[in-house]
Structure formats: C-alpha cells, structure tokens
Amino acid sequence: VATEDFRAGVCDAVMATAFRTRQFNAVAA
C-alpha cells in the first residue's frame, strides 16, 4: 500500500525495502 500510494501520487516520497523500490530505480536496488 505504501509503494502504491507513492506511485499514485498520494505520497511525495516513500521509504521501503529495495524489493519494492526496484520499480522506481533498478540501479540502486
């Protein structure tokens, strides 16, 4: 829900594990 809310614009930033944030930056993940 946290990462989906970020994707949808509900959140301006998100903190989550790299498993979920890989979709936003694969290099860092």
PDB file of all heavy atoms in Angstrom:
ATOM      1  N   VAL A   1       0.837  -1.203   0.000  1.00  0.00           N
ATOM      2  CA  VAL A   1       0.000   0.000   0.000  1.00  0.00           C
ATOM      3  C   VAL A   1       0.872   1.254   0.000  1.00  0.00           C
ATOM      4  O   VAL A   1       0.584   2.225  -0.707  1.00  0.00           O
ATOM      5  CB  VAL A   1      -0.949   0.008   1.216  1.00  0.00           C
ATOM      6  CG1 VAL A   1      -1.739   1.316   1.277  1.00  0.00           C
ATOM      7  CG2 VAL A   1      -1.909  -1.178   1.144  1.00  0.00           C
ATOM      8  N   ALA A   2       1.971   1.232   0.759  1.00  0.00           N
ATOM      9  CA  ALA A   2       2.863   2.398   0.818  1.00  0.00           C
ATOM     10  C   ALA A   2       3.432   2.726  -0.555  1.00  0.00           C
ATOM     11  O   ALA A   2       3.403   3.887  -0.998  1.00  0.00           O
ATOM     12  CB  ALA A   2       3.993   2.148   1.810  1.00  0.00           C
ATOM     13  N   THR A   3       3.951   1.716  -1.247  1.00  0.00           N
ATOM     14  CA  THR A   3       4.558   1.973  -2.554  1.00  0.00           C
ATOM     15  C   THR A   3       3.510   2.298  -3.612  1.00  0.00           C
ATOM     16  O   THR A   3       3.757   3.097  -4.514  1.00  0.00           O
ATOM     17  CB  THR A   3       5.414   0.774  -3.012  1.00  0.00           C
ATOM     18  OG1 THR A   3       4.660  -0.443  -2.876  1.00  0.00           O
ATOM     19  CG2 THR A   3       6.675   0.668  -2.193  1.00  0.00           C
ATOM     20  N   GLU A   4       2.320   1.717  -3.485  1.00  0.00           N
ATOM     21  CA  GLU A   4       1.262   2.032  -4.448  1.00  0.00           C
ATOM     22  C   GLU A   4       0.759   3.458  -4.244  1.00  0.00           C
ATOM     23  O   GLU A   4       0.464   4.168  -5.205  1.00  0.00           O
ATOM     24  CB  GLU A   4       0.110   1.035  -4.332  1.00  0.00           C
ATOM     25  CG  GLU A   4      -0.948   1.180  -5.421  1.00  0.00           C
ATOM     26  CD  GLU A   4      -0.385   1.211  -6.830  1.00  0.00           C
ATOM     27  OE1 GLU A   4       0.538   0.428  -7.122  1.00  0.00           O
ATOM     28  OE2 GLU A   4      -0.850   2.054  -7.635  1.00  0.00           O
ATOM     29  N   ASP A   5       0.652   3.892  -2.983  1.00  0.00           N
ATOM     30  CA  ASP A   5       0.253   5.273  -2.713  1.00  0.00           C
ATOM     31  C   ASP A   5       1.292   6.247  -3.260  1.00  0.00           C
ATOM     32  O   ASP A   5       0.948   7.321  -3.770  1.00  0.00           O
ATOM     33  CB  ASP A   5       0.081   5.490  -1.202  1.00  0.00           C
ATOM     34  CG  ASP A   5      -1.313   5.092  -0.719  1.00  0.00           C
ATOM     35  OD1 ASP A   5      -2.103   4.580  -1.542  1.00  0.00           O
ATOM     36  OD2 ASP A   5      -1.608   5.294   0.479  1.00  0.00           O
ATOM     37  N   PHE A   6       2.564   5.871  -3.176  1.00  0.00           N
ATOM     38  CA  PHE A   6       3.617   6.711  -3.744  1.00  0.00           C
ATOM     39  C   PHE A   6       3.467   6.790  -5.257  1.00  0.00           C
ATOM     40  O   PHE A   6       3.512   7.866  -5.847  1.00  0.00           O
ATOM     41  CB  PHE A   6       4.989   6.152  -3.374  1.00  0.00           C
ATOM     42  CG  PHE A   6       6.132   6.861  -4.040  1.00  0.00           C
ATOM     43  CD1 PHE A   6       6.362   8.219  -3.821  1.00  0.00           C
ATOM     44  CD2 PHE A   6       6.993   6.174  -4.881  1.00  0.00           C
ATOM     45  CE1 PHE A   6       7.427   8.878  -4.437  1.00  0.00           C
ATOM     46  CE2 PHE A   6       8.058   6.814  -5.503  1.00  0.00           C
ATOM     47  CZ  PHE A   6       8.272   8.172  -5.275  1.00  0.00           C
ATOM     48  N   ARG A   7       3.256   5.657  -5.895  1.00  0.00           N
ATOM     49  CA  ARG A   7       3.091   5.626  -7.346  1.00  0.00           C
ATOM     50  C   ARG A   7       1.884   6.463  -7.777  1.00  0.00           C
ATOM     51  O   ARG A   7       1.920   7.151  -8.796  1.00  0.00           O
ATOM     52  CB  ARG A   7       2.916   4.182  -7.834  1.00  0.00           C
ATOM     53  CG  ARG A   7       2.623   4.057  -9.317  1.00  0.00           C
ATOM     54  CD  ARG A   7       2.381   2.607  -9.703  1.00  0.00           C
ATOM     55  NE  ARG A   7       3.616   1.871  -9.745  1.00  0.00           N
ATOM     56  CZ  ARG A   7       4.497   1.950 -10.741  1.00  0.00           C
ATOM     57  NH1 ARG A   7       4.268   2.749 -11.768  1.00  0.00           N
ATOM     58  NH2 ARG A   7       5.593   1.240 -10.716  1.00  0.00           N
ATOM     59  N   ALA A   8       0.817   6.412  -6.966  1.00  0.00           N
ATOM     60  CA  ALA A   8      -0.420   7.122  -7.311  1.00  0.00           C
ATOM     61  C   ALA A   8      -0.354   8.614  -6.985  1.00  0.00           C
ATOM     62  O   ALA A   8      -1.279   9.359  -7.329  1.00  0.00           O
ATOM     63  CB  ALA A   8      -1.599   6.485  -6.581  1.00  0.00           C
ATOM     64  N   GLY A   9       0.713   9.062  -6.317  1.00  0.00           N
ATOM     65  CA  GLY A   9       0.844  10.474  -6.001  1.00  0.00           C
ATOM     66  C   GLY A   9       0.297  10.873  -4.647  1.00  0.00           C
ATOM     67  O   GLY A   9       0.309  12.051  -4.288  1.00  0.00           O
ATOM     68  N   VAL A  10      -0.195   9.899  -3.883  1.00  0.00           N
ATOM     69  CA  VAL A  10      -0.665  10.189  -2.525  1.00  0.00           C
ATOM     70  C   VAL A  10       0.523  10.594  -1.659  1.00  0.00           C
ATOM     71  O   VAL A  10       0.410  11.455  -0.788  1.00  0.00           O
ATOM     72  CB  VAL A  10      -1.376   8.959  -1.919  1.00  0.00           C
ATOM     73  CG1 VAL A  10      -1.766   9.215  -0.470  1.00  0.00           C
ATOM     74  CG2 VAL A  10      -2.607   8.597  -2.743  1.00  0.00           C
ATOM     75  N   CYS A  11       1.665   9.952  -1.898  1.00  0.00           N
ATOM     76  CA  CYS A  11       2.910  10.269  -1.189  1.00  0.00           C
ATOM     77  C   CYS A  11       3.858  10.965  -2.162  1.00  0.00           C
ATOM     78  O   CYS A  11       3.886  10.643  -3.356  1.00  0.00           O
ATOM     79  CB  CYS A  11       3.592   9.009  -0.679  1.00  0.00           C
ATOM     80  SG  CYS A  11       2.523   7.845   0.176  1.00  0.00           S
ATOM     81  N   ASP A  12       4.657  11.888  -1.648  1.00  0.00           N
ATOM     82  CA  ASP A  12       5.683  12.551  -2.458  1.00  0.00           C
ATOM     83  C   ASP A  12       7.007  11.808  -2.354  1.00  0.00           C
ATOM     84  O   ASP A  12       7.895  11.982  -3.194  1.00  0.00           O
ATOM     85  CB  ASP A  12       5.868  14.000  -1.995  1.00  0.00           C
ATOM     86  CG  ASP A  12       4.555  14.774  -2.044  1.00  0.00           C
ATOM     87  OD1 ASP A  12       3.942  14.811  -3.122  1.00  0.00           O
ATOM     88  OD2 ASP A  12       4.136  15.308  -0.989  1.00  0.00           O
ATOM     89  N   ALA A  13       7.152  11.005  -1.313  1.00  0.00           N
ATOM     90  CA  ALA A  13       8.352  10.199  -1.100  1.00  0.00           C
ATOM     91  C   ALA A  13       7.940   8.945  -0.345  1.00  0.00           C
ATOM     92  O   ALA A  13       6.892   8.916   0.304  1.00  0.00           O
ATOM     93  CB  ALA A  13       9.394  10.986  -0.311  1.00  0.00           C
ATOM     94  N   VAL A  14       8.789   7.921  -0.445  1.00  0.00           N
ATOM     95  CA  VAL A  14       8.475   6.671   0.229  1.00  0.00           C
ATOM     96  C   VAL A  14       9.754   6.042   0.746  1.00  0.00           C
ATOM     97  O   VAL A  14      10.833   6.209   0.154  1.00  0.00           O
ATOM     98  CB  VAL A  14       7.740   5.693  -0.729  1.00  0.00           C
ATOM     99  CG1 VAL A  14       8.664   5.215  -1.847  1.00  0.00           C
ATOM    100  CG2 VAL A  14       7.157   4.502   0.026  1.00  0.00           C
ATOM    101  N   MET A  15       9.650   5.346   1.865  1.00  0.00           N
ATOM    102  CA  MET A  15      10.744   4.521   2.385  1.00  0.00           C
ATOM    103  C   MET A  15      10.239   3.094   2.475  1.00  0.00           C
ATOM    104  O   MET A  15       9.248   2.826   3.163  1.00  0.00           O
ATOM    105  CB  MET A  15      11.208   5.027   3.756  1.00  0.00           C
ATOM    106  CG  MET A  15      12.095   6.260   3.694  1.00  0.00           C
ATOM    107  SD  MET A  15      12.653   6.783   5.346  1.00  0.00           S
ATOM    108  CE  MET A  15      13.585   5.325   5.856  1.00  0.00           C
ATOM    109  N   ALA A  16      10.919   2.192   1.775  1.00  0.00           N
ATOM    110  CA  ALA A  16      10.502   0.795   1.743  1.00  0.00           C
ATOM    111  C   ALA A  16      11.714  -0.043   1.369  1.00  0.00           C
ATOM    112  O   ALA A  16      12.791   0.494   1.068  1.00  0.00           O
ATOM    113  CB  ALA A  16       9.363   0.595   0.739  1.00  0.00           C
ATOM    114  N   THR A  17      11.567  -1.359   1.373  1.00  0.00           N
ATOM    115  CA  THR A  17      12.697  -2.207   1.013  1.00  0.00           C
ATOM    116  C   THR A  17      12.961  -2.126  -0.487  1.00  0.00           C
ATOM    117  O   THR A  17      12.077  -1.800  -1.279  1.00  0.00           O
ATOM    118  CB  THR A  17      12.440  -3.672   1.404  1.00  0.00           C
ATOM    119  OG1 THR A  17      11.354  -4.189   0.607  1.00  0.00           O
ATOM    120  CG2 THR A  17      12.102  -3.804   2.877  1.00  0.00           C
ATOM    121  N   ALA A  18      14.188  -2.476  -0.853  1.00  0.00           N
ATOM    122  CA  ALA A  18      14.577  -2.423  -2.262  1.00  0.00           C
ATOM    123  C   ALA A  18      13.766  -3.379  -3.123  1.00  0.00           C
ATOM    124  O   ALA A  18      13.652  -3.182  -4.335  1.00  0.00           O
ATOM    125  CB  ALA A  18      16.068  -2.725  -2.405  1.00  0.00           C
ATOM    126  N   PHE A  19      13.180  -4.415  -2.501  1.00  0.00           N
ATOM    127  CA  PHE A  19      12.338  -5.334  -3.272  1.00  0.00           C
ATOM    128  C   PHE A  19      11.186  -4.574  -3.928  1.00  0.00           C
ATOM    129  O   PHE A  19      10.795  -4.853  -5.058  1.00  0.00           O
ATOM    130  CB  PHE A  19      11.752  -6.424  -2.356  1.00  0.00           C
ATOM    131  CG  PHE A  19      12.779  -7.290  -1.702  1.00  0.00           C
ATOM    132  CD1 PHE A  19      12.844  -7.395  -0.323  1.00  0.00           C
ATOM    133  CD2 PHE A  19      13.684  -8.017  -2.455  1.00  0.00           C
ATOM    134  CE1 PHE A  19      13.777  -8.197   0.294  1.00  0.00           C
ATOM    135  CE2 PHE A  19      14.639  -8.827  -1.851  1.00  0.00           C
ATOM    136  CZ  PHE A  19      14.692  -8.907  -0.466  1.00  0.00           C
ATOM    137  N   ARG A  20      10.645  -3.596  -3.208  1.00  0.00           N
ATOM    138  CA  ARG A  20       9.521  -2.812  -3.716  1.00  0.00           C
ATOM    139  C   ARG A  20       9.964  -1.558  -4.476  1.00  0.00           C
ATOM    140  O   ARG A  20       9.263  -1.102  -5.369  1.00  0.00           O
ATOM    141  CB  ARG A  20       8.612  -2.385  -2.560  1.00  0.00           C
ATOM    142  CG  ARG A  20       7.798  -3.508  -1.954  1.00  0.00           C
ATOM    143  CD  ARG A  20       6.600  -3.865  -2.788  1.00  0.00           C
ATOM    144  NE  ARG A  20       5.726  -4.816  -2.108  1.00  0.00           N
ATOM    145  CZ  ARG A  20       4.635  -5.347  -2.660  1.00  0.00           C
ATOM    146  NH1 ARG A  20       4.289  -5.033  -3.889  1.00  0.00           N
ATOM    147  NH2 ARG A  20       3.890  -6.194  -1.972  1.00  0.00           N
ATOM    148  N   THR A  21      11.125  -0.980  -4.108  1.00  0.00           N
ATOM    149  CA  THR A  21      11.541   0.270  -4.747  1.00  0.00           C
ATOM    150  C   THR A  21      12.294   0.028  -6.053  1.00  0.00           C
ATOM    151  O   THR A  21      12.589   0.977  -6.774  1.00  0.00           O
ATOM    152  CB  THR A  21      12.424   1.117  -3.811  1.00  0.00           C
ATOM    153  OG1 THR A  21      13.637   0.409  -3.518  1.00  0.00           O
ATOM    154  CG2 THR A  21      11.686   1.440  -2.513  1.00  0.00           C
ATOM    155  N   ARG A  22      12.596  -1.234  -6.354  1.00  0.00           N
ATOM    156  CA  ARG A  22      13.302  -1.551  -7.602  1.00  0.00           C
ATOM    157  C   ARG A  22      12.574  -0.978  -8.817  1.00  0.00           C
ATOM    158  O   ARG A  22      13.192  -0.573  -9.802  1.00  0.00           O
ATOM    159  CB  ARG A  22      13.439  -3.073  -7.753  1.00  0.00           C
ATOM    160  CG  ARG A  22      14.361  -3.516  -8.872  1.00  0.00           C
ATOM    161  CD  ARG A  22      14.386  -5.037  -8.980  1.00  0.00           C
ATOM    162  NE  ARG A  22      14.833  -5.674  -7.759  1.00  0.00           N
ATOM    163  CZ  ARG A  22      16.116  -5.894  -7.459  1.00  0.00           C
ATOM    164  NH1 ARG A  22      17.058  -5.524  -8.305  1.00  0.00           N
ATOM    165  NH2 ARG A  22      16.434  -6.487  -6.325  1.00  0.00           N
ATOM    166  N   GLN A  23      11.251  -0.926  -8.749  1.00  0.00           N
ATOM    167  CA  GLN A  23      10.466  -0.408  -9.871  1.00  0.00           C
ATOM    168  C   GLN A  23      10.730   1.067 -10.140  1.00  0.00           C
ATOM    169  O   GLN A  23      10.508   1.554 -11.246  1.00  0.00           O
ATOM    170  CB  GLN A  23       8.982  -0.616  -9.591  1.00  0.00           C
ATOM    171  CG  GLN A  23       8.486   0.104  -8.335  1.00  0.00           C
ATOM    172  CD  GLN A  23       7.062  -0.245  -7.962  1.00  0.00           C
ATOM    173  OE1 GLN A  23       6.153  -0.109  -8.786  1.00  0.00           O
ATOM    174  NE2 GLN A  23       6.851  -0.701  -6.722  1.00  0.00           N
ATOM    175  N   PHE A  24      11.230   1.787  -9.128  1.00  0.00           N
ATOM    176  CA  PHE A  24      11.476   3.217  -9.268  1.00  0.00           C
ATOM    177  C   PHE A  24      12.938   3.531  -9.591  1.00  0.00           C
ATOM    178  O   PHE A  24      13.226   4.574 -10.171  1.00  0.00           O
ATOM    179  CB  PHE A  24      11.066   3.960  -7.995  1.00  0.00           C
ATOM    180  CG  PHE A  24       9.663   3.683  -7.559  1.00  0.00           C
ATOM    181  CD1 PHE A  24       9.393   3.045  -6.359  1.00  0.00           C
ATOM    182  CD2 PHE A  24       8.587   4.039  -8.369  1.00  0.00           C
ATOM    183  CE1 PHE A  24       8.092   2.776  -5.958  1.00  0.00           C
ATOM    184  CE2 PHE A  24       7.286   3.779  -7.984  1.00  0.00           C
ATOM    185  CZ  PHE A  24       7.035   3.142  -6.773  1.00  0.00           C
ATOM    186  N   ASN A  25      13.849   2.636  -9.195  1.00  0.00           N
ATOM    187  CA  ASN A  25      15.256   2.793  -9.559  1.00  0.00           C
ATOM    188  C   ASN A  25      15.956   1.443  -9.429  1.00  0.00           C
ATOM    189  O   ASN A  25      16.263   0.998  -8.316  1.00  0.00           O
ATOM    190  CB  ASN A  25      15.951   3.840  -8.687  1.00  0.00           C
ATOM    191  CG  ASN A  25      17.345   4.175  -9.218  1.00  0.00           C
ATOM    192  OD1 ASN A  25      18.257   3.354  -9.158  1.00  0.00           O
ATOM    193  ND2 ASN A  25      17.507   5.373  -9.756  1.00  0.00           N
ATOM    194  N   ALA A  26      16.211   0.827 -10.572  1.00  0.00           N
ATOM    195  CA  ALA A  26      16.794  -0.520 -10.576  1.00  0.00           C
ATOM    196  C   ALA A  26      18.283  -0.510 -10.247  1.00  0.00           C
ATOM    197  O   ALA A  26      18.812  -1.499  -9.745  1.00  0.00           O
ATOM    198  CB  ALA A  26      16.563  -1.162 -11.939  1.00  0.00           C
ATOM    199  N   VAL A  27      18.974   0.601 -10.535  1.00  0.00           N
ATOM    200  CA  VAL A  27      20.412   0.678 -10.243  1.00  0.00           C
ATOM    201  C   VAL A  27      20.650   0.585  -8.740  1.00  0.00           C
ATOM    202  O   VAL A  27      21.434  -0.240  -8.270  1.00  0.00           O
ATOM    203  CB  VAL A  27      21.016   1.993 -10.796  1.00  0.00           C
ATOM    204  CG1 VAL A  27      22.463   2.145 -10.330  1.00  0.00           C
ATOM    205  CG2 VAL A  27      20.972   2.010 -12.315  1.00  0.00           C
ATOM    206  N   ALA A  28      19.985   1.428  -7.978  1.00  0.00           N
ATOM    207  CA  ALA A  28      20.161   1.423  -6.518  1.00  0.00           C
ATOM    208  C   ALA A  28      19.722   0.100  -5.909  1.00  0.00           C
ATOM    209  O   ALA A  28      20.356  -0.417  -4.978  1.00  0.00           O
ATOM    210  CB  ALA A  28      19.385   2.579  -5.893  1.00  0.00           C
ATOM    211  N   ALA A  29      18.645  -0.476  -6.437  1.00  0.00           N
ATOM    212  CA  ALA A  29      18.117  -1.729  -5.885  1.00  0.00           C
ATOM    213  C   ALA A  29      19.025  -2.922  -6.163  1.00  0.00           C
ATOM    214  O   ALA A  29      18.839  -3.989  -5.569  1.00  0.00           O
ATOM    215  CB  ALA A  29      16.718  -1.994  -6.434  1.00  0.00           C
TER     216      ALA A  29
END
